[in-house]
């Protein structure tokens, strides 16, 4: 994988949907655990409780892949009322797994002390 592909892989996945339901009803579907379990895969949630919540507007959940390497991500659900009484639902899925962090290469002229070791 080259640096360009790695950079693309680290970008968030953003999906937007226009729903006929009012924001209050959509909020119940994503914010109330009993309702949420009907459509969101509960076994992949790393924590049943949200990571953060702004009631009626945004909620974030931590998720973990069900298969190796079990990468972790955060999924954010944002609700905005639309002009016809429905809801614009924005879902942002971002990988947050520390194992994906890449360290930038060191510069050749970084002025660090060079240490050579004898074999």
C-alpha atoms as a PDB file:
ATOM      1  CA  UNK A   1       0.000   0.000   0.000  1.00  0.00           C
ATOM      2  CA  UNK A   2       1.437   3.390  -0.911  1.00  0.00           C
ATOM      3  CA  UNK A   3       1.032   6.645   1.059  1.00  0.00           C
ATOM      4  CA  UNK A   4      -1.844   7.841  -1.150  1.00  0.00           C
ATOM      5  CA  UNK A   5      -3.851   4.651  -0.510  1.00  0.00           C
ATOM      6  CA  UNK A   6      -3.103   4.844   3.224  1.00  0.00           C
ATOM      7  CA  UNK A   7      -4.368   8.442   3.294  1.00  0.00           C
ATOM      8  CA  UNK A   8      -7.602   7.479   1.561  1.00  0.00           C
ATOM      9  CA  UNK A   9      -8.111   4.599   3.976  1.00  0.00           C
ATOM     10  CA  UNK A  10      -7.959   6.979   6.950  1.00  0.00           C
ATOM     11  CA  UNK A  11     -10.738   9.278   5.639  1.00  0.00           C
ATOM     12  CA  UNK A  12     -14.142   9.101   7.246  1.00  0.00           C
ATOM     13  CA  UNK A  13     -17.030   7.494   5.406  1.00  0.00           C
ATOM     14  CA  UNK A  14     -19.931   9.973   5.311  1.00  0.00           C
ATOM     15  CA  UNK A  15     -23.476   8.995   4.309  1.00  0.00           C
ATOM     16  CA  UNK A  16     -26.525  11.270   4.208  1.00  0.00           C
ATOM     17  CA  UNK A  17     -30.178  10.263   4.070  1.00  0.00           C
ATOM     18  CA  UNK A  18     -33.426  12.237   3.843  1.00  0.00           C
ATOM     19  CA  UNK A  19     -36.018  10.516   6.044  1.00  0.00           C
ATOM     20  CA  UNK A  20     -39.783  11.083   6.158  1.00  0.00           C
ATOM     21  CA  UNK A  21     -39.819  10.692   9.950  1.00  0.00           C
ATOM     22  CA  UNK A  22     -39.500  13.686  12.299  1.00  0.00           C
ATOM     23  CA  UNK A  23     -36.193  14.081  14.206  1.00  0.00           C
ATOM     24  CA  UNK A  24     -37.799  12.924  17.493  1.00  0.00           C
ATOM     25  CA  UNK A  25     -38.724   9.555  15.979  1.00  0.00           C
ATOM     26  CA  UNK A  26     -35.303   9.108  14.354  1.00  0.00           C
ATOM     27  CA  UNK A  27     -33.646   9.992  17.671  1.00  0.00           C
ATOM     28  CA  UNK A  28     -35.591   7.217  19.410  1.00  0.00           C
ATOM     29  CA  UNK A  29     -34.352   4.741  16.786  1.00  0.00           C
ATOM     30  CA  UNK A  30     -30.698   5.600  17.386  1.00  0.00           C
ATOM     31  CA  UNK A  31     -30.706   6.720  21.020  1.00  0.00           C
ATOM     32  CA  UNK A  32     -32.888   4.179  22.839  1.00  0.00           C
ATOM     33  CA  UNK A  33     -31.038   0.835  23.231  1.00  0.00           C
ATOM     34  CA  UNK A  34     -34.120  -1.406  22.881  1.00  0.00           C
ATOM     35  CA  UNK A  35     -35.126   0.289  19.627  1.00  0.00           C
ATOM     36  CA  UNK A  36     -31.559   0.602  18.337  1.00  0.00           C
ATOM     37  CA  UNK A  37     -30.949  -3.157  18.710  1.00  0.00           C
ATOM     38  CA  UNK A  38     -33.660  -3.839  16.130  1.00  0.00           C
ATOM     39  CA  UNK A  39     -31.545  -2.402  13.306  1.00  0.00           C
ATOM     40  CA  UNK A  40     -27.985  -1.730  14.531  1.00  0.00           C
ATOM     41  CA  UNK A  41     -25.769  -4.829  15.011  1.00  0.00           C
ATOM     42  CA  UNK A  42     -25.442  -4.908  18.804  1.00  0.00           C
ATOM     43  CA  UNK A  43     -22.688  -7.550  18.846  1.00  0.00           C
ATOM     44  CA  UNK A  44     -20.348  -5.131  17.072  1.00  0.00           C
ATOM     45  CA  UNK A  45     -20.844  -2.342  19.570  1.00  0.00           C
ATOM     46  CA  UNK A  46     -17.784  -2.148  21.798  1.00  0.00           C
ATOM     47  CA  UNK A  47     -19.820  -0.297  24.402  1.00  0.00           C
ATOM     48  CA  UNK A  48     -23.589  -0.389  24.745  1.00  0.00           C
ATOM     49  CA  UNK A  49     -23.583   3.208  25.950  1.00  0.00           C
ATOM     50  CA  UNK A  50     -22.781   6.068  23.584  1.00  0.00           C
ATOM     51  CA  UNK A  51     -19.318   7.630  23.647  1.00  0.00           C
ATOM     52  CA  UNK A  52     -20.977  11.059  23.574  1.00  0.00           C
ATOM     53  CA  UNK A  53     -24.458  12.406  23.077  1.00  0.00           C
ATOM     54  CA  UNK A  54     -26.148  15.722  22.336  1.00  0.00           C
ATOM     55  CA  UNK A  55     -29.777  14.600  22.752  1.00  0.00           C
ATOM     56  CA  UNK A  56     -31.909  15.068  19.675  1.00  0.00           C
ATOM     57  CA  UNK A  57     -28.970  16.199  17.540  1.00  0.00           C
ATOM     58  CA  UNK A  58     -25.966  13.850  17.654  1.00  0.00           C
ATOM     59  CA  UNK A  59     -24.874  10.572  19.200  1.00  0.00           C
ATOM     60  CA  UNK A  60     -21.574   8.675  18.845  1.00  0.00           C
ATOM     61  CA  UNK A  61     -20.957   4.967  19.367  1.00  0.00           C
ATOM     62  CA  UNK A  62     -17.706   3.032  19.502  1.00  0.00           C
ATOM     63  CA  UNK A  63     -17.732  -0.070  17.319  1.00  0.00           C
ATOM     64  CA  UNK A  64     -15.353  -2.998  16.880  1.00  0.00           C
ATOM     65  CA  UNK A  65     -15.061  -5.306  13.869  1.00  0.00           C
ATOM     66  CA  UNK A  66     -16.317  -8.822  14.537  1.00  0.00           C
ATOM     67  CA  UNK A  67     -13.356 -10.399  12.725  1.00  0.00           C
ATOM     68  CA  UNK A  68      -9.567 -10.021  13.018  1.00  0.00           C
ATOM     69  CA  UNK A  69      -7.849  -7.618  13.223  1.00  0.00           C
ATOM     70  CA  UNK A  70     -10.845  -6.284  15.266  1.00  0.00           C
ATOM     71  CA  UNK A  71     -10.361  -2.656  14.229  1.00  0.00           C
ATOM     72  CA  UNK A  72     -12.138   0.010  16.255  1.00  0.00           C
ATOM     73  CA  UNK A  73     -14.119   2.914  14.867  1.00  0.00           C
ATOM     74  CA  UNK A  74     -16.536   5.595  15.973  1.00  0.00           C
ATOM     75  CA  UNK A  75     -19.891   6.020  14.240  1.00  0.00           C
ATOM     76  CA  UNK A  76     -21.582   9.402  14.623  1.00  0.00           C
ATOM     77  CA  UNK A  77     -25.266   9.930  13.852  1.00  0.00           C
ATOM     78  CA  UNK A  78     -26.260  13.571  13.259  1.00  0.00           C
ATOM     79  CA  UNK A  79     -29.893  14.683  12.941  1.00  0.00           C
ATOM     80  CA  UNK A  80     -31.040  17.903  11.279  1.00  0.00           C
ATOM     81  CA  UNK A  81     -34.715  18.760  10.692  1.00  0.00           C
ATOM     82  CA  UNK A  82     -35.470  19.328   6.997  1.00  0.00           C
ATOM     83  CA  UNK A  83     -37.910  21.781   5.446  1.00  0.00           C
ATOM     84  CA  UNK A  84     -40.741  19.245   4.977  1.00  0.00           C
ATOM     85  CA  UNK A  85     -40.935  17.985   8.571  1.00  0.00           C
ATOM     86  CA  UNK A  86     -38.593  15.062   8.069  1.00  0.00           C
ATOM     87  CA  UNK A  87     -34.972  14.516   9.054  1.00  0.00           C
ATOM     88  CA  UNK A  88     -31.628  14.679   7.330  1.00  0.00           C
ATOM     89  CA  UNK A  89     -29.609  11.851   8.891  1.00  0.00           C
ATOM     90  CA  UNK A  90     -25.853  12.076   8.490  1.00  0.00           C
ATOM     91  CA  UNK A  91     -23.782   9.032   9.444  1.00  0.00           C
ATOM     92  CA  UNK A  92     -20.035   9.478   9.829  1.00  0.00           C
ATOM     93  CA  UNK A  93     -17.981   6.309  10.224  1.00  0.00           C
ATOM     94  CA  UNK A  94     -14.375   7.005  11.159  1.00  0.00           C
ATOM     95  CA  UNK A  95     -11.610   4.549  11.966  1.00  0.00           C
ATOM     96  CA  UNK A  96      -9.950   5.460  15.250  1.00  0.00           C
ATOM     97  CA  UNK A  97      -7.826   2.372  15.830  1.00  0.00           C
ATOM     98  CA  UNK A  98      -4.368   3.402  17.047  1.00  0.00           C
ATOM     99  CA  UNK A  99      -2.821   0.557  15.061  1.00  0.00           C
ATOM    100  CA  UNK A 100      -3.630   2.488  11.878  1.00  0.00           C
ATOM    101  CA  UNK A 101      -1.610   5.535  12.869  1.00  0.00           C
ATOM    102  CA  UNK A 102       1.413   5.911  10.661  1.00  0.00           C
ATOM    103  CA  UNK A 103       4.512   7.662  11.863  1.00  0.00           C
ATOM    104  CA  UNK A 104       5.962  10.086   9.353  1.00  0.00           C
ATOM    105  CA  UNK A 105       9.404   9.139   8.059  1.00  0.00           C
ATOM    106  CA  UNK A 106      12.317  10.873   9.744  1.00  0.00           C
ATOM    107  CA  UNK A 107      14.162  13.441   7.707  1.00  0.00           C
ATOM    108  CA  UNK A 108      17.711  12.563   6.729  1.00  0.00           C
ATOM    109  CA  UNK A 109      18.914  15.863   8.145  1.00  0.00           C
ATOM    110  CA  UNK A 110      17.008  15.802  11.432  1.00  0.00           C
ATOM    111  CA  UNK A 111      20.171  16.490  13.475  1.00  0.00           C
ATOM    112  CA  UNK A 112      19.644  13.475  15.707  1.00  0.00           C
ATOM    113  CA  UNK A 113      22.688  11.805  17.093  1.00  0.00           C
ATOM    114  CA  UNK A 114      23.706   8.824  15.014  1.00  0.00           C
ATOM    115  CA  UNK A 115      24.548   5.773  17.086  1.00  0.00           C
ATOM    116  CA  UNK A 116      26.321   2.839  15.515  1.00  0.00           C
ATOM    117  CA  UNK A 117      26.569  -0.480  17.311  1.00  0.00           C
ATOM    118  CA  UNK A 118      29.163  -3.143  16.833  1.00  0.00           C
ATOM    119  CA  UNK A 119      27.946  -6.596  16.007  1.00  0.00           C
END
